[in-house]
Amino acid sequence: MSSGHVKVLSCGDVQGKFVQLVKRVKAINEKSGPFEMLLCVGEFFGPNEEENERVTSGHIEFPIPTYILGE
């Protein structure tokens, strides 16, 4: 972005709903982006350890750089 501004997308508790988050981020990024990054605050991981592992191992990829600022 030539103006020196950074567009940041943020979200609250994800609670392990990673597929839903990826779909929503893609849609928002297409409509209002591009965004430089996604900041997730609150409870990111859910009770399903297999789904959590898919995220931490990279099997579920996020469309923009994603940073977790919570649990």
C-alpha atoms as a PDB file:
ATOM      1  CA  MET A   1       0.000   0.000   0.000  1.00  0.00           C
ATOM      2  CA  SER A   2       1.577   3.228  -1.084  1.00  0.00           C
ATOM      3  CA  SER A   3       0.035   5.443   1.626  1.00  0.00           C
ATOM      4  CA  GLY A   4       1.974   3.734   4.424  1.00  0.00           C
ATOM      5  CA  HIS A   5      -1.178   2.356   6.054  1.00  0.00           C
ATOM      6  CA  VAL A   6      -1.502  -1.273   7.081  1.00  0.00           C
ATOM      7  CA  LYS A   7      -4.914  -2.933   6.891  1.00  0.00           C
ATOM      8  CA  VAL A   8      -5.353  -5.339   9.792  1.00  0.00           C
ATOM      9  CA  LEU A   9      -8.269  -7.729  10.206  1.00  0.00           C
ATOM     10  CA  SER A  10      -9.098  -8.897  13.713  1.00  0.00           C
ATOM     11  CA  CYS A  11     -11.375 -11.502  15.241  1.00  0.00           C
ATOM     12  CA  GLY A  12     -12.432 -12.619  18.698  1.00  0.00           C
ATOM     13  CA  ASP A  13     -12.771 -16.142  20.067  1.00  0.00           C
ATOM     14  CA  VAL A  14     -12.345 -18.741  17.328  1.00  0.00           C
ATOM     15  CA  GLN A  15     -12.888 -21.706  19.688  1.00  0.00           C
ATOM     16  CA  GLY A  16     -11.557 -24.203  17.165  1.00  0.00           C
ATOM     17  CA  LYS A  17     -13.881 -23.201  14.297  1.00  0.00           C
ATOM     18  CA  PHE A  18     -10.948 -22.967  11.891  1.00  0.00           C
ATOM     19  CA  VAL A  19     -12.690 -23.905   8.635  1.00  0.00           C
ATOM     20  CA  GLN A  20     -15.414 -21.334   9.280  1.00  0.00           C
ATOM     21  CA  LEU A  21     -12.749 -18.717  10.079  1.00  0.00           C
ATOM     22  CA  VAL A  22     -10.809 -19.424   6.874  1.00  0.00           C
ATOM     23  CA  LYS A  23     -13.979 -19.091   4.768  1.00  0.00           C
ATOM     24  CA  ARG A  24     -14.947 -15.839   6.460  1.00  0.00           C
ATOM     25  CA  VAL A  25     -11.472 -14.323   6.168  1.00  0.00           C
ATOM     26  CA  LYS A  26     -11.334 -15.203   2.455  1.00  0.00           C
ATOM     27  CA  ALA A  27     -14.717 -13.573   1.849  1.00  0.00           C
ATOM     28  CA  ILE A  28     -13.871 -10.416   3.801  1.00  0.00           C
ATOM     29  CA  ASN A  29     -10.456 -10.156   2.183  1.00  0.00           C
ATOM     30  CA  GLU A  30     -12.012 -10.410  -1.297  1.00  0.00           C
ATOM     31  CA  LYS A  31     -14.687  -7.826  -0.526  1.00  0.00           C
ATOM     32  CA  SER A  32     -12.766  -5.277   1.565  1.00  0.00           C
ATOM     33  CA  GLY A  33      -9.100  -6.246   1.315  1.00  0.00           C
ATOM     34  CA  PRO A  34      -6.399  -6.839   0.822  1.00  0.00           C
ATOM     35  CA  PHE A  35      -5.516  -7.134   4.500  1.00  0.00           C
ATOM     36  CA  GLU A  36      -1.919  -7.456   5.635  1.00  0.00           C
ATOM     37  CA  MET A  37      -2.640  -9.715   8.609  1.00  0.00           C
ATOM     38  CA  LEU A  38      -5.251 -11.296  10.860  1.00  0.00           C
ATOM     39  CA  LEU A  39      -5.046 -10.835  14.631  1.00  0.00           C
ATOM     40  CA  CYS A  40      -6.982 -13.427  16.632  1.00  0.00           C
ATOM     41  CA  VAL A  41      -7.650 -12.434  20.226  1.00  0.00           C
ATOM     42  CA  GLY A  42      -9.251 -14.605  22.879  1.00  0.00           C
ATOM     43  CA  GLU A  43      -9.625 -18.364  22.812  1.00  0.00           C
ATOM     44  CA  PHE A  44      -8.233 -19.618  19.503  1.00  0.00           C
ATOM     45  CA  PHE A  45      -8.000 -23.395  19.931  1.00  0.00           C
ATOM     46  CA  GLY A  46     -10.983 -25.604  20.663  1.00  0.00           C
ATOM     47  CA  PRO A  47     -11.502 -28.888  22.498  1.00  0.00           C
ATOM     48  CA  ASN A  48     -10.823 -31.045  19.402  1.00  0.00           C
ATOM     49  CA  GLU A  49      -7.111 -31.888  19.626  1.00  0.00           C
ATOM     50  CA  GLU A  50      -7.056 -33.343  16.099  1.00  0.00           C
ATOM     51  CA  GLU A  51      -8.333 -30.072  14.615  1.00  0.00           C
ATOM     52  CA  ASN A  52      -5.871 -28.082  16.718  1.00  0.00           C
ATOM     53  CA  GLU A  53      -3.055 -30.293  15.412  1.00  0.00           C
ATOM     54  CA  ARG A  54      -4.163 -29.679  11.817  1.00  0.00           C
ATOM     55  CA  VAL A  55      -3.646 -25.962  12.391  1.00  0.00           C
ATOM     56  CA  THR A  56      -0.326 -26.213  14.228  1.00  0.00           C
ATOM     57  CA  SER A  57       1.061 -28.656  11.637  1.00  0.00           C
ATOM     58  CA  GLY A  58       0.027 -26.452   8.709  1.00  0.00           C
ATOM     59  CA  HIS A  59      -2.657 -28.719   7.238  1.00  0.00           C
ATOM     60  CA  ILE A  60      -5.183 -25.928   7.661  1.00  0.00           C
ATOM     61  CA  GLU A  61      -3.741 -22.818   6.044  1.00  0.00           C
ATOM     62  CA  PHE A  62      -4.962 -19.285   6.537  1.00  0.00           C
ATOM     63  CA  PRO A  63      -5.229 -16.966   3.524  1.00  0.00           C
ATOM     64  CA  ILE A  64      -3.276 -14.143   5.179  1.00  0.00           C
ATOM     65  CA  PRO A  65      -0.593 -14.113   7.893  1.00  0.00           C
ATOM     66  CA  THR A  66      -2.371 -14.934  11.158  1.00  0.00           C
ATOM     67  CA  TYR A  67      -1.252 -14.100  14.674  1.00  0.00           C
ATOM     68  CA  ILE A  68      -2.769 -15.534  17.856  1.00  0.00           C
ATOM     69  CA  LEU A  69      -2.958 -13.181  20.845  1.00  0.00           C
ATOM     70  CA  GLY A  70      -4.663 -15.445  23.343  1.00  0.00           C
ATOM     71  CA  GLU A  71      -4.906 -19.066  24.341  1.00  0.00           C
END
